Protein backbone atom coordinates (compact mmCIF):
# COMPACT_ATOMS: atom_id res chain seq x y z
CA MET A 1 54.23 144.56 98.55
CA THR A 2 50.91 143.20 97.28
CA SER A 3 48.49 145.35 95.35
CA LYS A 4 46.04 145.38 98.29
CA THR A 5 48.75 146.57 100.66
CA LYS A 6 49.89 149.21 98.19
CA ARG A 7 46.29 150.34 97.63
CA ALA A 8 45.70 150.56 101.39
CA GLN A 9 48.87 152.63 101.72
CA TYR A 10 47.77 155.00 98.95
CA THR A 11 44.31 155.26 100.48
CA LEU A 12 45.79 156.18 103.85
CA GLU A 13 48.11 158.72 102.24
CA PHE A 14 45.18 160.22 100.34
CA GLU A 15 43.11 160.44 103.50
CA LEU A 16 45.91 162.11 105.45
CA GLU A 17 46.50 164.62 102.65
CA ALA A 18 42.77 165.38 102.40
CA VAL A 19 42.54 165.96 106.15
CA ARG A 20 45.59 168.21 106.02
CA LEU A 21 44.09 170.26 103.20
CA VAL A 22 40.75 170.65 104.95
CA HIS A 23 42.29 171.67 108.24
CA GLY A 24 44.55 174.13 106.47
CA ARG A 25 41.53 175.95 105.04
CA THR A 26 39.41 176.13 108.15
CA LYS A 27 39.09 179.48 109.81
CA HIS A 28 38.22 180.10 113.39
CA VAL A 29 34.63 181.23 113.58
CA SER A 30 33.52 183.35 116.47
CA PRO A 31 30.46 182.31 118.45
CA GLU A 32 28.69 185.46 117.23
CA ARG A 33 29.24 184.46 113.60
CA MET A 34 27.96 180.95 114.33
CA GLU A 35 24.86 182.38 115.99
CA LEU A 36 24.32 184.75 113.05
CA ALA A 37 24.54 181.87 110.57
CA ARG A 38 22.10 179.81 112.65
CA LEU A 39 19.65 182.69 112.87
CA ARG A 40 19.85 183.37 109.13
CA ALA A 41 19.11 179.71 108.42
CA GLU A 42 16.17 179.83 110.81
CA VAL A 43 14.80 182.99 109.15
CA ALA A 44 15.03 181.33 105.74
CA ARG A 45 13.20 178.25 107.04
CA LEU A 46 10.48 180.34 108.68
CA LYS A 47 9.95 182.40 105.51
CA MET A 48 9.55 179.19 103.53
CA GLU A 49 7.02 177.86 106.05
CA ARG A 50 5.12 181.17 105.96
CA ASP A 51 4.94 181.10 102.17
CA ILE A 52 3.64 177.53 102.20
CA LEU A 53 1.01 178.38 104.80
CA GLU A 54 -0.12 181.44 102.81
CA LYS A 55 -0.56 179.28 99.71
CA CYS A 56 -2.47 176.66 101.70
CA ALA A 57 -4.76 179.29 103.19
CA ALA A 58 -5.48 180.75 99.74
CA TYR A 59 -6.14 177.28 98.31
CA PHE A 60 -8.59 176.31 101.05
CA ALA A 61 -10.29 179.73 100.96
CA ASN A 62 -10.97 179.31 97.22
CA GLU A 63 -12.06 175.70 97.65
CA SER A 64 -14.85 176.54 100.10
CA VAL A 65 -16.44 179.13 97.77
């Protein structure tokens, strides 16, 4: 067996083991939990946008004075 063939074999074995480990850890997530996670991410994004807009409004209000 050449070193390339052996390396390819080890790479494939590593990949299969990694996939097995990842799938062993995954939990089934209910649609409600997925929706809750999506909504929480959206709330965080909207709060960040709001904070940026508040800072912009304050900056431009002070600039015009």
